[in-house]
PDB file of N, CA and C in Angstrom:
ATOM      1  N   MET A   1     -52.596 144.242 -10.915  1.00  0.00           N
ATOM      2  CA  MET A   1     -51.202 144.271 -11.309  1.00  0.00           C
ATOM      3  C   MET A   1     -50.560 142.955 -10.881  1.00  0.00           C
ATOM      4  N   ASN A   2     -49.822 142.378 -11.781  1.00  0.00           N
ATOM      5  CA  ASN A   2     -49.132 141.129 -11.504  1.00  0.00           C
ATOM      6  C   ASN A   2     -47.765 141.444 -10.888  1.00  0.00           C
ATOM      7  N   TYR A   3     -47.431 140.777  -9.807  1.00  0.00           N
ATOM      8  CA  TYR A   3     -46.164 141.040  -9.135  1.00  0.00           C
ATOM      9  C   TYR A   3     -44.971 140.776 -10.052  1.00  0.00           C
ATOM     10  N   LYS A   4     -45.123 139.883 -11.009  1.00  0.00           N
ATOM     11  CA  LYS A   4     -44.028 139.580 -11.930  1.00  0.00           C
ATOM     12  C   LYS A   4     -43.679 140.787 -12.793  1.00  0.00           C
ATOM     13  N   ASP A   5     -44.634 141.697 -12.971  1.00  0.00           N
ATOM     14  CA  ASP A   5     -44.377 142.917 -13.736  1.00  0.00           C
ATOM     15  C   ASP A   5     -43.410 143.850 -13.006  1.00  0.00           C
ATOM     16  N   LEU A   6     -43.197 143.624 -11.718  1.00  0.00           N
ATOM     17  CA  LEU A   6     -42.321 144.479 -10.919  1.00  0.00           C
ATOM     18  C   LEU A   6     -40.864 144.047 -10.971  1.00  0.00           C
ATOM     19  N   LYS A   7     -40.613 142.857 -11.478  1.00  0.00           N
ATOM     20  CA  LYS A   7     -39.251 142.340 -11.522  1.00  0.00           C
ATOM     21  C   LYS A   7     -38.369 143.274 -12.354  1.00  0.00           C
ATOM     22  N   GLY A   8     -37.271 143.710 -11.744  1.00  0.00           N
ATOM     23  CA  GLY A   8     -36.351 144.611 -12.417  1.00  0.00           C
ATOM     24  C   GLY A   8     -36.750 146.080 -12.373  1.00  0.00           C
ATOM     25  N   LYS A   9     -37.857 146.374 -11.689  1.00  0.00           N
ATOM     26  CA  LYS A   9     -38.341 147.755 -11.586  1.00  0.00           C
ATOM     27  C   LYS A   9     -37.916 148.363 -10.256  1.00  0.00           C
ATOM     28  N   THR A  10     -37.824 149.684 -10.249  1.00  0.00           N
ATOM     29  CA  THR A  10     -37.536 150.417  -9.022  1.00  0.00           C
ATOM     30  C   THR A  10     -38.597 151.497  -8.857  1.00  0.00           C
ATOM     31  N   VAL A  11     -38.523 152.214  -7.756  1.00  0.00           N
ATOM     32  CA  VAL A  11     -39.483 153.302  -7.524  1.00  0.00           C
ATOM     33  C   VAL A  11     -39.385 154.361  -8.619  1.00  0.00           C
ATOM     34  N   PHE A  12     -38.231 154.463  -9.255  1.00  0.00           N
ATOM     35  CA  PHE A  12     -38.045 155.452 -10.311  1.00  0.00           C
ATOM     36  C   PHE A  12     -38.859 155.126 -11.560  1.00  0.00           C
ATOM     37  N   ASP A  13     -39.264 153.870 -11.697  1.00  0.00           N
ATOM     38  CA  ASP A  13     -40.108 153.473 -12.820  1.00  0.00           C
ATOM     39  C   ASP A  13     -41.574 153.862 -12.592  1.00  0.00           C
ATOM     40  N   PHE A  14     -41.910 154.204 -11.351  1.00  0.00           N
ATOM     41  CA  PHE A  14     -43.292 154.496 -11.008  1.00  0.00           C
ATOM     42  C   PHE A  14     -43.523 155.928 -10.535  1.00  0.00           C
ATOM     43  N   CYS A  15     -42.452 156.645 -10.272  1.00  0.00           N
ATOM     44  CA  CYS A  15     -42.613 157.983  -9.701  1.00  0.00           C
ATOM     45  C   CYS A  15     -41.430 158.865 -10.097  1.00  0.00           C
ATOM     46  N   ASN A  16     -41.727 160.143 -10.341  1.00  0.00           N
ATOM     47  CA  ASN A  16     -40.648 161.100 -10.597  1.00  0.00           C
ATOM     48  C   ASN A  16     -40.778 162.334  -9.708  1.00  0.00           C
ATOM     49  N   ASP A  17     -41.667 162.262  -8.720  1.00  0.00           N
ATOM     50  CA  ASP A  17     -41.851 163.357  -7.776  1.00  0.00           C
ATOM     51  C   ASP A  17     -40.746 163.287  -6.720  1.00  0.00           C
ATOM     52  N   ALA A  18     -39.863 164.299  -6.710  1.00  0.00           N
ATOM     53  CA  ALA A  18     -38.695 164.286  -5.820  1.00  0.00           C
ATOM     54  C   ALA A  18     -39.087 164.217  -4.349  1.00  0.00           C
ATOM     55  N   GLU A  19     -40.166 164.864  -3.960  1.00  0.00           N
ATOM     56  CA  GLU A  19     -40.596 164.861  -2.553  1.00  0.00           C
ATOM     57  C   GLU A  19     -41.037 163.465  -2.121  1.00  0.00           C
ATOM     58  N   ILE A  20     -41.818 162.822  -2.939  1.00  0.00           N
ATOM     59  CA  ILE A  20     -42.279 161.461  -2.618  1.00  0.00           C
ATOM     60  C   ILE A  20     -41.100 160.493  -2.635  1.00  0.00           C
ATOM     61  N   LEU A  21     -40.235 160.624  -3.636  1.00  0.00           N
ATOM     62  CA  LEU A  21     -39.068 159.743  -3.711  1.00  0.00           C
ATOM     63  C   LEU A  21     -38.165 159.912  -2.502  1.00  0.00           C
ATOM     64  N   ALA A  22     -38.032 161.122  -2.000  1.00  0.00           N
ATOM     65  CA  ALA A  22     -37.212 161.362  -0.811  1.00  0.00           C
ATOM     66  C   ALA A  22     -37.786 160.624   0.391  1.00  0.00           C
ATOM     67  N   LYS A  23     -39.107 160.637   0.539  1.00  0.00           N
ATOM     68  CA  LYS A  23     -39.747 159.923   1.649  1.00  0.00           C
ATOM     69  C   LYS A  23     -39.559 158.416   1.509  1.00  0.00           C
ATOM     70  N   VAL A  24     -39.722 157.930   0.297  1.00  0.00           N
ATOM     71  CA  VAL A  24     -39.677 156.489   0.049  1.00  0.00           C
ATOM     72  C   VAL A  24     -38.262 155.927   0.138  1.00  0.00           C
ATOM     73  N   THR A  25     -37.296 156.653  -0.400  1.00  0.00           N
ATOM     74  CA  THR A  25     -35.921 156.137  -0.452  1.00  0.00           C
ATOM     75  C   THR A  25     -35.109 156.452   0.791  1.00  0.00           C
ATOM     76  N   GLY A  26     -35.508 157.504   1.509  1.00  0.00           N
ATOM     77  CA  GLY A  26     -34.750 157.908   2.680  1.00  0.00           C
ATOM     78  C   GLY A  26     -33.579 158.824   2.344  1.00  0.00           C
ATOM     79  N   PHE A  27     -33.460 159.217   1.102  1.00  0.00           N
ATOM     80  CA  PHE A  27     -32.405 160.128   0.669  1.00  0.00           C
ATOM     81  C   PHE A  27     -33.004 161.499   0.407  1.00  0.00           C
ATOM     82  N   SER A  28     -32.322 162.547   0.856  1.00  0.00           N
ATOM     83  CA  SER A  28     -32.845 163.896   0.634  1.00  0.00           C
ATOM     84  C   SER A  28     -32.797 164.270  -0.842  1.00  0.00           C
ATOM     85  N   GLU A  29     -31.857 163.712  -1.556  1.00  0.00           N
ATOM     86  CA  GLU A  29     -31.741 163.931  -3.002  1.00  0.00           C
ATOM     87  C   GLU A  29     -31.784 162.565  -3.695  1.00  0.00           C
ATOM     88  N   PRO A  30     -32.973 161.973  -3.813  1.00  0.00           N
ATOM     89  CA  PRO A  30     -33.055 160.609  -4.338  1.00  0.00           C
ATOM     90  C   PRO A  30     -32.561 160.457  -5.769  1.00  0.00           C
ATOM     91  N   LEU A  31     -32.707 161.486  -6.587  1.00  0.00           N
ATOM     92  CA  LEU A  31     -32.243 161.363  -7.964  1.00  0.00           C
ATOM     93  C   LEU A  31     -30.729 161.253  -8.029  1.00  0.00           C
ATOM     94  N   GLU A  32     -30.037 161.887  -7.086  1.00  0.00           N
ATOM     95  CA  GLU A  32     -28.579 161.774  -7.031  1.00  0.00           C
ATOM     96  C   GLU A  32     -28.155 160.386  -6.555  1.00  0.00           C
ATOM     97  N   SER A  33     -28.997 159.707  -5.826  1.00  0.00           N
ATOM     98  CA  SER A  33     -28.679 158.375  -5.308  1.00  0.00           C
ATOM     99  C   SER A  33     -29.308 157.267  -6.156  1.00  0.00           C
ATOM    100  N   LYS A  34     -29.823 157.632  -7.317  1.00  0.00           N
ATOM    101  CA  LYS A  34     -30.522 156.667  -8.171  1.00  0.00           C
ATOM    102  C   LYS A  34     -29.656 155.449  -8.486  1.00  0.00           C
ATOM    103  N   GLU A  35     -28.393 155.668  -8.824  1.00  0.00           N
ATOM    104  CA  GLU A  35     -27.502 154.556  -9.160  1.00  0.00           C
ATOM    105  C   GLU A  35     -27.349 153.606  -7.975  1.00  0.00           C
ATOM    106  N   TYR A  36     -27.207 154.166  -6.778  1.00  0.00           N
ATOM    107  CA  TYR A  36     -27.095 153.335  -5.573  1.00  0.00           C
ATOM    108  C   TYR A  36     -28.367 152.518  -5.366  1.00  0.00           C
ATOM    109  N   ILE A  37     -29.510 153.184  -5.469  1.00  0.00           N
ATOM    110  CA  ILE A  37     -30.795 152.511  -5.251  1.00  0.00           C
ATOM    111  C   ILE A  37     -31.015 151.426  -6.295  1.00  0.00           C
ATOM    112  N   GLU A  38     -30.678 151.699  -7.539  1.00  0.00           N
ATOM    113  CA  GLU A  38     -30.843 150.696  -8.589  1.00  0.00           C
ATOM    114  C   GLU A  38     -29.960 149.479  -8.352  1.00  0.00           C
ATOM    115  N   GLY A  39     -28.861 149.638  -7.590  1.00  0.00           N
ATOM    116  CA  GLY A  39     -27.970 148.527  -7.282  1.00  0.00           C
ATOM    117  C   GLY A  39     -28.401 147.696  -6.089  1.00  0.00           C
ATOM    118  N   CYS A  40     -29.475 148.086  -5.443  1.00  0.00           N
ATOM    119  CA  CYS A  40     -29.975 147.336  -4.282  1.00  0.00           C
ATOM    120  C   CYS A  40     -30.583 146.008  -4.719  1.00  0.00           C
ATOM    121  N   THR A  41     -30.815 145.141  -3.759  1.00  0.00           N
ATOM    122  CA  THR A  41     -31.379 143.824  -4.055  1.00  0.00           C
ATOM    123  C   THR A  41     -32.857 143.937  -4.416  1.00  0.00           C
ATOM    124  N   PRO A  42     -33.390 142.936  -5.094  1.00  0.00           N
ATOM    125  CA  PRO A  42     -34.804 142.944  -5.426  1.00  0.00           C
ATOM    126  C   PRO A  42     -35.719 143.064  -4.191  1.00  0.00           C
ATOM    127  N   VAL A  43     -35.297 142.494  -3.064  1.00  0.00           N
ATOM    128  CA  VAL A  43     -36.100 142.607  -1.841  1.00  0.00           C
ATOM    129  C   VAL A  43     -36.237 144.079  -1.450  1.00  0.00           C
ATOM    130  N   VAL A  44     -35.144 144.821  -1.518  1.00  0.00           N
ATOM    131  CA  VAL A  44     -35.174 146.241  -1.173  1.00  0.00           C
ATOM    132  C   VAL A  44     -36.055 147.000  -2.151  1.00  0.00           C
ATOM    133  N   HIS A  45     -35.971 146.654  -3.427  1.00  0.00           N
ATOM    134  CA  HIS A  45     -36.836 147.309  -4.417  1.00  0.00           C
ATOM    135  C   HIS A  45     -38.308 147.055  -4.098  1.00  0.00           C
ATOM    136  N   ALA A  46     -38.616 145.830  -3.755  1.00  0.00           N
ATOM    137  CA  ALA A  46     -40.003 145.490  -3.419  1.00  0.00           C
ATOM    138  C   ALA A  46     -40.472 146.272  -2.199  1.00  0.00           C
ATOM    139  N   GLN A  47     -39.599 146.408  -1.210  1.00  0.00           N
ATOM    140  CA  GLN A  47     -39.966 147.151  -0.006  1.00  0.00           C
ATOM    141  C   GLN A  47     -40.153 148.634  -0.307  1.00  0.00           C
ATOM    142  N   MET A  48     -39.300 149.193  -1.145  1.00  0.00           N
ATOM    143  CA  MET A  48     -39.462 150.596  -1.531  1.00  0.00           C
ATOM    144  C   MET A  48     -40.738 150.799  -2.345  1.00  0.00           C
ATOM    145  N   LEU A  49     -41.063 149.835  -3.180  1.00  0.00           N
ATOM    146  CA  LEU A  49     -42.304 149.920  -3.951  1.00  0.00           C
ATOM    147  C   LEU A  49     -43.516 149.869  -3.023  1.00  0.00           C
ATOM    148  N   GLN A  50     -43.431 149.085  -1.956  1.00  0.00           N
ATOM    149  CA  GLN A  50     -44.515 149.062  -0.979  1.00  0.00           C
ATOM    150  C   GLN A  50     -44.644 150.426  -0.303  1.00  0.00           C
ATOM    151  N   SER A  51     -43.515 151.024   0.044  1.00  0.00           N
ATOM    152  CA  SER A  51     -43.540 152.353   0.660  1.00  0.00           C
ATOM    153  C   SER A  51     -44.127 153.384  -0.294  1.00  0.00           C
ATOM    154  N   LEU A  52     -43.755 153.286  -1.559  1.00  0.00           N
ATOM    155  CA  LEU A  52     -44.315 154.193  -2.561  1.00  0.00           C
ATOM    156  C   LEU A  52     -45.820 154.006  -2.661  1.00  0.00           C
ATOM    157  N   ALA A  53     -46.259 152.764  -2.659  1.00  0.00           N
ATOM    158  CA  ALA A  53     -47.689 152.473  -2.751  1.00  0.00           C
ATOM    159  C   ALA A  53     -48.449 153.049  -1.557  1.00  0.00           C
ATOM    160  N   ILE A  54     -47.871 152.956  -0.376  1.00  0.00           N
ATOM    161  CA  ILE A  54     -48.503 153.520   0.820  1.00  0.00           C
ATOM    162  C   ILE A  54     -48.576 155.040   0.685  1.00  0.00           C
ATOM    163  N   GLU A  55     -47.469 155.631   0.260  1.00  0.00           N
ATOM    164  CA  GLU A  55     -47.394 157.090   0.124  1.00  0.00           C
ATOM    165  C   GLU A  55     -48.406 157.612  -0.896  1.00  0.00           C
ATOM    166  N   THR A  56     -48.609 156.859  -1.977  1.00  0.00           N
ATOM    167  CA  THR A  56     -49.511 157.293  -3.043  1.00  0.00           C
ATOM    168  C   THR A  56     -50.902 156.660  -2.942  1.00  0.00           C
ATOM    169  N   LYS A  57     -51.101 155.871  -1.889  1.00  0.00           N
ATOM    170  CA  LYS A  57     -52.387 155.204  -1.656  1.00  0.00           C
ATOM    171  C   LYS A  57     -52.812 154.321  -2.843  1.00  0.00           C
ATOM    172  N   ASP A  58     -51.847 153.560  -3.352  1.00  0.00           N
ATOM    173  CA  ASP A  58     -52.078 152.669  -4.484  1.00  0.00           C
ATOM    174  C   ASP A  58     -52.115 151.231  -3.976  1.00  0.00           C
ATOM    175  N   ASN A  59     -53.308 150.751  -3.661  1.00  0.00           N
ATOM    176  CA  ASN A  59     -53.473 149.407  -3.092  1.00  0.00           C
ATOM    177  C   ASN A  59     -53.027 148.307  -4.054  1.00  0.00           C
ATOM    178  N   GLU A  60     -53.273 148.507  -5.324  1.00  0.00           N
ATOM    179  CA  GLU A  60     -52.892 147.495  -6.305  1.00  0.00           C
ATOM    180  C   GLU A  60     -51.372 147.332  -6.348  1.00  0.00           C
ATOM    181  N   LEU A  61     -50.652 148.443  -6.371  1.00  0.00           N
ATOM    182  CA  LEU A  61     -49.192 148.385  -6.351  1.00  0.00           C
ATOM    183  C   LEU A  61     -48.706 147.779  -5.044  1.00  0.00           C
ATOM    184  N   TYR A  62     -49.318 148.143  -3.932  1.00  0.00           N
ATOM    185  CA  TYR A  62     -48.901 147.598  -2.641  1.00  0.00           C
ATOM    186  C   TYR A  62     -49.024 146.079  -2.620  1.00  0.00           C
ATOM    187  N   ASN A  63     -50.164 145.568  -3.043  1.00  0.00           N
ATOM    188  CA  ASN A  63     -50.386 144.118  -3.026  1.00  0.00           C
ATOM    189  C   ASN A  63     -49.398 143.390  -3.935  1.00  0.00           C
ATOM    190  N   ALA A  64     -49.143 143.955  -5.108  1.00  0.00           N
ATOM    191  CA  ALA A  64     -48.189 143.333  -6.032  1.00  0.00           C
ATOM    192  C   ALA A  64     -46.774 143.389  -5.455  1.00  0.00           C
ATOM    193  N   ALA A  65     -46.401 144.520  -4.853  1.00  0.00           N
ATOM    194  CA  ALA A  65     -45.062 144.664  -4.280  1.00  0.00           C
ATOM    195  C   ALA A  65     -44.877 143.733  -3.090  1.00  0.00           C
ATOM    196  N   LYS A  66     -45.908 143.544  -2.296  1.00  0.00           N
ATOM    197  CA  LYS A  66     -45.832 142.627  -1.155  1.00  0.00           C
ATOM    198  C   LYS A  66     -45.635 141.197  -1.646  1.00  0.00           C
ATOM    199  N   LYS A  67     -46.377 140.818  -2.659  1.00  0.00           N
ATOM    200  CA  LYS A  67     -46.238 139.478  -3.243  1.00  0.00           C
ATOM    201  C   LYS A  67     -44.834 139.317  -3.844  1.00  0.00           C
ATOM    202  N   TYR A  68     -44.351 140.367  -4.501  1.00  0.00           N
ATOM    203  CA  TYR A  68     -43.004 140.338  -5.078  1.00  0.00           C
ATOM    204  C   TYR A  68     -41.953 140.163  -3.990  1.00  0.00           C
ATOM    205  N   GLU A  69     -42.104 140.885  -2.875  1.00  0.00           N
ATOM    206  CA  GLU A  69     -41.165 140.746  -1.766  1.00  0.00           C
ATOM    207  C   GLU A  69     -41.178 139.316  -1.234  1.00  0.00           C
ATOM    208  N   ASP A  70     -42.362 138.762  -1.035  1.00  0.00           N
ATOM    209  CA  ASP A  70     -42.471 137.385  -0.548  1.00  0.00           C
ATOM    210  C   ASP A  70     -41.758 136.410  -1.486  1.00  0.00           C
ATOM    211  N   GLU A  71     -41.953 136.599  -2.793  1.00  0.00           N
ATOM    212  CA  GLU A  71     -41.310 135.722  -3.771  1.00  0.00           C
ATOM    213  C   GLU A  71     -39.791 135.894  -3.755  1.00  0.00           C
ATOM    214  N   CYS A  72     -39.323 137.121  -3.581  1.00  0.00           N
ATOM    215  CA  CYS A  72     -37.875 137.369  -3.499  1.00  0.00           C
ATOM    216  C   CYS A  72     -37.268 136.652  -2.298  1.00  0.00           C
ATOM    217  N   TRP A  73     -37.964 136.727  -1.152  1.00  0.00           N
ATOM    218  CA  TRP A  73     -37.466 136.045   0.049  1.00  0.00           C
ATOM    219  C   TRP A  73     -37.455 134.537  -0.155  1.00  0.00           C
ATOM    220  N   LYS A  74     -38.479 133.987  -0.801  1.00  0.00           N
ATOM    221  CA  LYS A  74     -38.521 132.546  -1.074  1.00  0.00           C
ATOM    222  C   LYS A  74     -37.346 132.145  -1.962  1.00  0.00           C
ATOM    223  N   GLU A  75     -37.083 132.975  -2.977  1.00  0.00           N
ATOM    224  CA  GLU A  75     -35.981 132.691  -3.888  1.00  0.00           C
ATOM    225  C   GLU A  75     -34.643 132.738  -3.154  1.00  0.00           C
ATOM    226  N   LEU A  76     -34.453 133.732  -2.288  1.00  0.00           N
ATOM    227  CA  LEU A  76     -33.224 133.816  -1.503  1.00  0.00           C
ATOM    228  C   LEU A  76     -33.071 132.614  -0.577  1.00  0.00           C
ATOM    229  N   HIS A  77     -34.173 132.202   0.039  1.00  0.00           N
ATOM    230  CA  HIS A  77     -34.136 131.042   0.928  1.00  0.00           C
ATOM    231  C   HIS A  77     -33.747 129.790   0.152  1.00  0.00           C
ATOM    232  N   GLN A  78     -34.355 129.605  -1.001  1.00  0.00           N
ATOM    233  CA  GLN A  78     -34.038 128.438  -1.818  1.00  0.00           C
ATOM    234  C   GLN A  78     -32.570 128.478  -2.245  1.00  0.00           C
ATOM    235  N   GLN A  79     -32.104 129.652  -2.647  1.00  0.00           N
ATOM    236  CA  GLN A  79     -30.710 129.794  -3.055  1.00  0.00           C
ATOM    237  C   GLN A  79     -29.766 129.492  -1.892  1.00  0.00           C
ATOM    238  N   SER A  80     -30.148 129.923  -0.704  1.00  0.00           N
ATOM    239  CA  SER A  80     -29.297 129.668   0.463  1.00  0.00           C
ATOM    240  C   SER A  80     -29.225 128.181   0.776  1.00  0.00           C
ATOM    241  N   GLN A  81     -30.310 127.487   0.550  1.00  0.00           N
ATOM    242  CA  GLN A  81     -30.329 126.045   0.793  1.00  0.00           C
ATOM    243  C   GLN A  81     -29.434 125.304  -0.202  1.00  0.00           C
ATOM    244  N   GLU A  82     -29.400 125.818  -1.432  1.00  0.00           N
ATOM    245  CA  GLU A  82     -28.626 125.154  -2.465  1.00  0.00           C
ATOM    246  C   GLU A  82     -27.139 125.488  -2.402  1.00  0.00           C
ATOM    247  N   THR A  83     -26.815 126.708  -2.002  1.00  0.00           N
ATOM    248  CA  THR A  83     -25.432 127.166  -2.083  1.00  0.00           C
ATOM    249  C   THR A  83     -24.772 127.410  -0.748  1.00  0.00           C
ATOM    250  N   GLY A  84     -25.548 127.401   0.319  1.00  0.00           N
ATOM    251  CA  GLY A  84     -25.003 127.716   1.634  1.00  0.00           C
ATOM    252  C   GLY A  84     -24.901 129.195   1.870  1.00  0.00           C
ATOM    253  N   LEU A  85     -25.542 129.982   1.034  1.00  0.00           N
ATOM    254  CA  LEU A  85     -25.559 131.442   1.152  1.00  0.00           C
ATOM    255  C   LEU A  85     -26.166 131.820   2.490  1.00  0.00           C
ATOM    256  N   ILE A  86     -25.534 132.748   3.177  1.00  0.00           N
ATOM    257  CA  ILE A  86     -26.049 133.232   4.455  1.00  0.00           C
ATOM    258  C   ILE A  86     -26.834 134.492   4.201  1.00  0.00           C
ATOM    259  N   ILE A  87     -28.096 134.502   4.606  1.00  0.00           N
ATOM    260  CA  ILE A  87     -28.955 135.665   4.444  1.00  0.00           C
ATOM    261  C   ILE A  87     -28.873 136.468   5.729  1.00  0.00           C
ATOM    262  N   ASP A  88     -28.412 137.700   5.611  1.00  0.00           N
ATOM    263  CA  ASP A  88     -28.246 138.553   6.789  1.00  0.00           C
ATOM    264  C   ASP A  88     -29.224 139.700   6.735  1.00  0.00           C
TER     265      ASP A  88
END
């Protein structure tokens, strides 16, 4: 799986099992919080995808999500250098 395929994706694109989504998202009713989760940053999406991969034992998804997270952090760092954005 190419990490670029994960851009713009959330855990909801890979799973619809409410129990697994609750573990991954940290919300007891993840489907009710879907709008909130979809509004999170790409770094958070990548981290949730890694958690989903661990939960489902999907090594390919984990590796792609980890690479995606690394790329998101690099992009944020570059943006901060150009704009003075503070990464907290």
